[in-house]
Amino acid sequence: MHWLTLTLAILCEVFATTMLKLSDGFTRPLPLLGMTLGYALSFYALALTLKTLPLGAAYAIWGGVGLVLTAAVGVAVFGEKTDTAGIIGITFILAGLIILNVFSRMAEH
C-alpha cells in the first residue's frame, strides 16, 4: 500500500509543479487552483506513506522520481532543452534511486 500512496504523492507533485509553470507567476486562477490541490494531495499522500516507509527513503524517492518526471514534462510539454550534463545528472539521480531500492536496507521499515 505504501508504494501506491508514494506513487500518488509523486504524480500529484509533478502535476502541481506543472500547474505552477502554467499559472504564469500566479496570474492564472485555474492552474493556480490545480497547483494548490496537487501539492495538498501530494503532501497528504506522502504523509500516509511515512506511516510505513522510513522518512529518508520515502523523501529520496519522492524527490528524485518527482524531479526526473518533472524534467521530462519540461522537455515533452514545454519544449525545454536538455544537454549532456543534464542527462548525466538525471542518470545519476536514477542510479541513486536504484541503489537505494535494490542494495540498501534504508527503504525497509
N, C-alpha and C. Protein backbone atom coordinates (compact mmCIF):
# COMPACT_ATOMS: atom_id res chain seq x y z
N MET A 1 0.82 -1.21 0.00
CA MET A 1 0.00 0.00 0.00
C MET A 1 0.86 1.26 0.00
N HIS A 2 2.01 1.21 0.73
CA HIS A 2 2.83 2.41 0.79
C HIS A 2 3.40 2.80 -0.56
N TRP A 3 3.64 1.83 -1.44
CA TRP A 3 4.15 2.18 -2.77
C TRP A 3 3.06 2.87 -3.60
N LEU A 4 1.83 2.47 -3.40
CA LEU A 4 0.72 3.11 -4.10
C LEU A 4 0.56 4.57 -3.64
N THR A 5 0.61 4.79 -2.33
CA THR A 5 0.46 6.17 -1.85
C THR A 5 1.68 7.01 -2.22
N LEU A 6 2.86 6.40 -2.24
CA LEU A 6 4.05 7.15 -2.67
C LEU A 6 3.95 7.52 -4.14
N THR A 7 3.47 6.60 -4.96
CA THR A 7 3.28 6.89 -6.39
C THR A 7 2.27 8.02 -6.58
N LEU A 8 1.19 7.98 -5.83
CA LEU A 8 0.20 9.06 -5.89
C LEU A 8 0.83 10.39 -5.48
N ALA A 9 1.63 10.37 -4.42
CA ALA A 9 2.30 11.60 -3.96
C ALA A 9 3.21 12.16 -5.05
N ILE A 10 3.94 11.30 -5.72
CA ILE A 10 4.86 11.73 -6.78
C ILE A 10 4.08 12.32 -7.95
N LEU A 11 3.06 11.61 -8.41
CA LEU A 11 2.29 12.09 -9.57
C LEU A 11 1.59 13.41 -9.27
N CYS A 12 1.07 13.55 -8.06
CA CYS A 12 0.41 14.82 -7.69
C CYS A 12 1.42 15.96 -7.62
N GLU A 13 2.63 15.66 -7.15
CA GLU A 13 3.67 16.69 -7.08
C GLU A 13 4.08 17.14 -8.48
N VAL A 14 4.23 16.20 -9.40
CA VAL A 14 4.58 16.54 -10.78
C VAL A 14 3.45 17.35 -11.42
N PHE A 15 2.21 16.94 -11.20
CA PHE A 15 1.06 17.70 -11.69
C PHE A 15 1.07 19.11 -11.12
N ALA A 16 1.27 19.23 -9.81
CA ALA A 16 1.25 20.55 -9.16
C ALA A 16 2.36 21.45 -9.69
N THR A 17 3.54 20.89 -9.90
CA THR A 17 4.64 21.70 -10.41
C THR A 17 4.38 22.12 -11.85
N THR A 18 3.75 21.26 -12.63
CA THR A 18 3.35 21.63 -13.99
C THR A 18 2.33 22.77 -13.96
N MET A 19 1.38 22.69 -13.05
CA MET A 19 0.38 23.76 -12.90
C MET A 19 1.04 25.06 -12.43
N LEU A 20 2.09 24.94 -11.60
CA LEU A 20 2.83 26.12 -11.17
C LEU A 20 3.42 26.84 -12.38
N LYS A 21 3.98 26.09 -13.30
CA LYS A 21 4.52 26.68 -14.53
C LYS A 21 3.39 27.34 -15.33
N LEU A 22 2.26 26.64 -15.45
CA LEU A 22 1.14 27.16 -16.24
C LEU A 22 0.43 28.34 -15.57
N SER A 23 0.64 28.53 -14.26
CA SER A 23 -0.03 29.64 -13.56
C SER A 23 0.56 30.99 -13.95
N ASP A 24 1.70 30.98 -14.65
CA ASP A 24 2.31 32.21 -15.16
C ASP A 24 2.51 33.23 -14.04
N GLY A 25 3.24 32.78 -13.01
CA GLY A 25 3.53 33.68 -11.90
C GLY A 25 2.32 33.99 -11.05
N PHE A 26 1.47 33.01 -10.83
CA PHE A 26 0.24 33.14 -10.02
C PHE A 26 -0.78 34.09 -10.64
N THR A 27 -0.75 34.26 -11.96
CA THR A 27 -1.70 35.18 -12.60
C THR A 27 -2.88 34.47 -13.26
N ARG A 28 -2.84 33.15 -13.35
CA ARG A 28 -3.93 32.40 -13.98
C ARG A 28 -4.61 31.53 -12.92
N PRO A 29 -5.87 31.82 -12.61
CA PRO A 29 -6.53 31.17 -11.47
C PRO A 29 -6.71 29.65 -11.58
N LEU A 30 -7.05 29.13 -12.74
CA LEU A 30 -7.30 27.70 -12.84
C LEU A 30 -6.03 26.86 -12.60
N PRO A 31 -4.92 27.19 -13.26
CA PRO A 31 -3.70 26.45 -12.93
C PRO A 31 -3.26 26.66 -11.47
N LEU A 32 -3.52 27.83 -10.93
CA LEU A 32 -3.19 28.09 -9.53
C LEU A 32 -3.99 27.18 -8.61
N LEU A 33 -5.26 26.98 -8.92
CA LEU A 33 -6.09 26.06 -8.15
C LEU A 33 -5.57 24.63 -8.28
N GLY A 34 -5.24 24.23 -9.51
CA GLY A 34 -4.67 22.90 -9.74
C GLY A 34 -3.38 22.69 -8.97
N MET A 35 -2.54 23.72 -8.94
CA MET A 35 -1.29 23.65 -8.20
C MET A 35 -1.55 23.45 -6.72
N THR A 36 -2.46 24.24 -6.17
CA THR A 36 -2.76 24.17 -4.74
C THR A 36 -3.32 22.79 -4.36
N LEU A 37 -4.27 22.30 -5.14
CA LEU A 37 -4.84 20.99 -4.86
C LEU A 37 -3.82 19.87 -5.06
N GLY A 38 -3.00 20.00 -6.10
CA GLY A 38 -1.98 18.98 -6.37
C GLY A 38 -0.97 18.87 -5.25
N TYR A 39 -0.46 20.02 -4.78
CA TYR A 39 0.51 19.98 -3.67
C TYR A 39 -0.14 19.47 -2.39
N ALA A 40 -1.38 19.89 -2.12
CA ALA A 40 -2.07 19.42 -0.91
C ALA A 40 -2.23 17.90 -0.93
N LEU A 41 -2.68 17.36 -2.06
CA LEU A 41 -2.86 15.92 -2.17
C LEU A 41 -1.52 15.19 -2.13
N SER A 42 -0.51 15.79 -2.74
CA SER A 42 0.82 15.19 -2.72
C SER A 42 1.34 15.04 -1.30
N PHE A 43 1.24 16.11 -0.53
CA PHE A 43 1.74 16.04 0.85
C PHE A 43 0.88 15.12 1.72
N TYR A 44 -0.41 15.07 1.46
CA TYR A 44 -1.28 14.14 2.19
C TYR A 44 -0.86 12.69 1.91
N ALA A 45 -0.66 12.37 0.63
CA ALA A 45 -0.26 11.01 0.26
C ALA A 45 1.14 10.70 0.80
N LEU A 46 2.04 11.69 0.79
CA LEU A 46 3.37 11.47 1.35
C LEU A 46 3.28 11.22 2.85
N ALA A 47 2.42 11.95 3.54
CA ALA A 47 2.23 11.73 4.98
C ALA A 47 1.73 10.32 5.26
N LEU A 48 0.81 9.83 4.43
CA LEU A 48 0.34 8.45 4.60
C LEU A 48 1.47 7.46 4.35
N THR A 49 2.30 7.75 3.37
CA THR A 49 3.43 6.88 3.05
C THR A 49 4.39 6.78 4.24
N LEU A 50 4.59 7.91 4.92
CA LEU A 50 5.55 7.94 6.03
C LEU A 50 5.10 7.13 7.24
N LYS A 51 3.86 6.66 7.22
CA LYS A 51 3.42 5.75 8.29
C LYS A 51 4.10 4.39 8.17
N THR A 52 4.49 4.03 6.94
CA THR A 52 5.04 2.69 6.72
C THR A 52 6.43 2.67 6.09
N LEU A 53 6.89 3.76 5.53
CA LEU A 53 8.23 3.83 4.96
C LEU A 53 9.08 4.81 5.77
N PRO A 54 10.37 4.55 5.91
CA PRO A 54 11.24 5.49 6.61
C PRO A 54 11.31 6.83 5.88
N LEU A 55 11.46 7.90 6.64
CA LEU A 55 11.47 9.25 6.10
C LEU A 55 12.53 9.43 5.02
N GLY A 56 13.76 9.03 5.29
CA GLY A 56 14.85 9.25 4.34
C GLY A 56 14.61 8.59 3.00
N ALA A 57 14.19 7.34 3.04
CA ALA A 57 13.94 6.61 1.79
C ALA A 57 12.75 7.18 1.05
N ALA A 58 11.65 7.42 1.76
CA ALA A 58 10.44 7.94 1.11
C ALA A 58 10.70 9.29 0.48
N TYR A 59 11.38 10.17 1.20
CA TYR A 59 11.62 11.51 0.68
C TYR A 59 12.59 11.47 -0.50
N ALA A 60 13.60 10.61 -0.42
CA ALA A 60 14.54 10.48 -1.54
C ALA A 60 13.84 10.00 -2.80
N ILE A 61 12.97 9.02 -2.66
CA ILE A 61 12.23 8.50 -3.81
C ILE A 61 11.26 9.56 -4.33
N TRP A 62 10.51 10.19 -3.43
CA TRP A 62 9.55 11.22 -3.81
C TRP A 62 10.25 12.36 -4.56
N GLY A 63 11.32 12.85 -3.98
CA GLY A 63 12.03 13.97 -4.61
C GLY A 63 12.73 13.58 -5.90
N GLY A 64 13.41 12.43 -5.89
CA GLY A 64 14.17 12.01 -7.06
C GLY A 64 13.29 11.68 -8.26
N VAL A 65 12.29 10.85 -8.04
CA VAL A 65 11.39 10.48 -9.14
C VAL A 65 10.60 11.70 -9.60
N GLY A 66 10.17 12.52 -8.64
CA GLY A 66 9.46 13.76 -9.00
C GLY A 66 10.31 14.67 -9.87
N LEU A 67 11.58 14.80 -9.51
CA LEU A 67 12.49 15.65 -10.30
C LEU A 67 12.65 15.11 -11.72
N VAL A 68 12.88 13.81 -11.82
CA VAL A 68 13.07 13.21 -13.15
C VAL A 68 11.81 13.36 -14.00
N LEU A 69 10.65 13.08 -13.44
CA LEU A 69 9.40 13.21 -14.20
C LEU A 69 9.10 14.66 -14.55
N THR A 70 9.38 15.58 -13.64
CA THR A 70 9.15 17.00 -13.92
C THR A 70 10.07 17.48 -15.03
N ALA A 71 11.31 17.03 -15.02
CA ALA A 71 12.23 17.38 -16.11
C ALA A 71 11.72 16.83 -17.44
N ALA A 72 11.18 15.61 -17.42
CA ALA A 72 10.63 15.01 -18.64
C ALA A 72 9.43 15.80 -19.14
N VAL A 73 8.57 16.26 -18.23
CA VAL A 73 7.43 17.10 -18.62
C VAL A 73 7.93 18.40 -19.23
N GLY A 74 8.96 18.97 -18.64
CA GLY A 74 9.53 20.21 -19.19
C GLY A 74 9.97 20.05 -20.63
N VAL A 75 10.61 18.93 -20.92
CA VAL A 75 11.08 18.67 -22.28
C VAL A 75 9.91 18.34 -23.20
N ALA A 76 9.03 17.43 -22.77
CA ALA A 76 7.95 16.93 -23.64
C ALA A 76 6.83 17.94 -23.84
N VAL A 77 6.47 18.68 -22.80
CA VAL A 77 5.31 19.56 -22.88
C VAL A 77 5.69 21.00 -23.21
N PHE A 78 6.77 21.47 -22.58
CA PHE A 78 7.13 22.88 -22.73
C PHE A 78 8.29 23.11 -23.69
N GLY A 79 8.81 22.06 -24.30
CA GLY A 79 9.88 22.20 -25.28
C GLY A 79 11.19 22.67 -24.69
N GLU A 80 11.40 22.42 -23.39
CA GLU A 80 12.65 22.83 -22.76
C GLU A 80 13.78 21.96 -23.28
N LYS A 81 14.94 22.55 -23.38
CA LYS A 81 16.11 21.85 -23.93
C LYS A 81 16.90 21.20 -22.81
N THR A 82 17.54 20.10 -23.14
CA THR A 82 18.46 19.46 -22.22
C THR A 82 19.80 19.31 -22.92
N ASP A 83 20.81 18.96 -22.17
CA ASP A 83 22.14 18.76 -22.75
C ASP A 83 22.79 17.55 -22.09
N THR A 84 24.01 17.28 -22.48
CA THR A 84 24.70 16.10 -21.96
C THR A 84 24.83 16.14 -20.45
N ALA A 85 25.19 17.29 -19.91
CA ALA A 85 25.35 17.40 -18.45
C ALA A 85 24.02 17.15 -17.74
N GLY A 86 22.93 17.65 -18.28
CA GLY A 86 21.62 17.43 -17.69
C GLY A 86 21.23 15.96 -17.72
N ILE A 87 21.49 15.31 -18.83
CA ILE A 87 21.17 13.89 -18.95
C ILE A 87 22.02 13.06 -17.98
N ILE A 88 23.30 13.41 -17.87
CA ILE A 88 24.17 12.70 -16.93
C ILE A 88 23.68 12.90 -15.50
N GLY A 89 23.31 14.12 -15.16
CA GLY A 89 22.81 14.40 -13.81
C GLY A 89 21.56 13.61 -13.49
N ILE A 90 20.63 13.58 -14.42
CA ILE A 90 19.39 12.82 -14.21
C ILE A 90 19.69 11.32 -14.12
N THR A 91 20.65 10.85 -14.91
CA THR A 91 21.06 9.45 -14.84
C THR A 91 21.62 9.12 -13.46
N PHE A 92 22.41 10.03 -12.89
CA PHE A 92 22.94 9.81 -11.54
C PHE A 92 21.81 9.76 -10.51
N ILE A 93 20.81 10.60 -10.67
CA ILE A 93 19.67 10.56 -9.75
C ILE A 93 18.98 9.20 -9.84
N LEU A 94 18.73 8.75 -11.06
CA LEU A 94 18.09 7.44 -11.24
C LEU A 94 18.95 6.32 -10.68
N ALA A 95 20.27 6.40 -10.90
CA ALA A 95 21.18 5.38 -10.36
C ALA A 95 21.12 5.37 -8.84
N GLY A 96 21.08 6.53 -8.23
CA GLY A 96 20.97 6.61 -6.78
C GLY A 96 19.69 5.98 -6.26
N LEU A 97 18.59 6.22 -6.97
CA LEU A 97 17.32 5.63 -6.56
C LEU A 97 17.33 4.11 -6.70
N ILE A 98 17.97 3.62 -7.75
CA ILE A 98 18.07 2.16 -7.94
C ILE A 98 18.92 1.56 -6.83
N ILE A 99 20.06 2.18 -6.53
CA ILE A 99 20.92 1.69 -5.46
C ILE A 99 20.17 1.69 -4.13
N LEU A 100 19.45 2.76 -3.85
CA LEU A 100 18.69 2.87 -2.61
C LEU A 100 17.66 1.74 -2.49
N ASN A 101 16.98 1.44 -3.57
CA ASN A 101 15.89 0.46 -3.51
C ASN A 101 16.34 -0.99 -3.68
N VAL A 102 17.45 -1.21 -4.37
CA VAL A 102 17.88 -2.58 -4.63
C VAL A 102 18.93 -3.06 -3.63
N PHE A 103 19.89 -2.19 -3.30
CA PHE A 103 21.02 -2.62 -2.50
C PHE A 103 21.01 -2.13 -1.05
N SER A 104 20.23 -1.13 -0.75
CA SER A 104 20.22 -0.56 0.59
C SER A 104 19.06 -1.12 1.41
N ARG A 105 19.25 -1.15 2.72
CA ARG A 105 18.17 -1.55 3.61
C ARG A 105 17.43 -0.32 4.12
N MET A 106 17.78 0.85 3.60
CA MET A 106 17.19 2.10 4.06
C MET A 106 15.69 2.16 3.81
N ALA A 107 15.23 1.52 2.74
CA ALA A 107 13.81 1.58 2.39
C ALA A 107 12.96 0.59 3.20
N GLU A 108 13.61 -0.21 4.04
CA GLU A 108 12.87 -1.15 4.88
C GLU A 108 12.40 -0.44 6.14
N HIS A 109 11.29 -0.86 6.65
CA HIS A 109 10.78 -0.25 7.89
C HIS A 109 10.79 -1.26 9.00
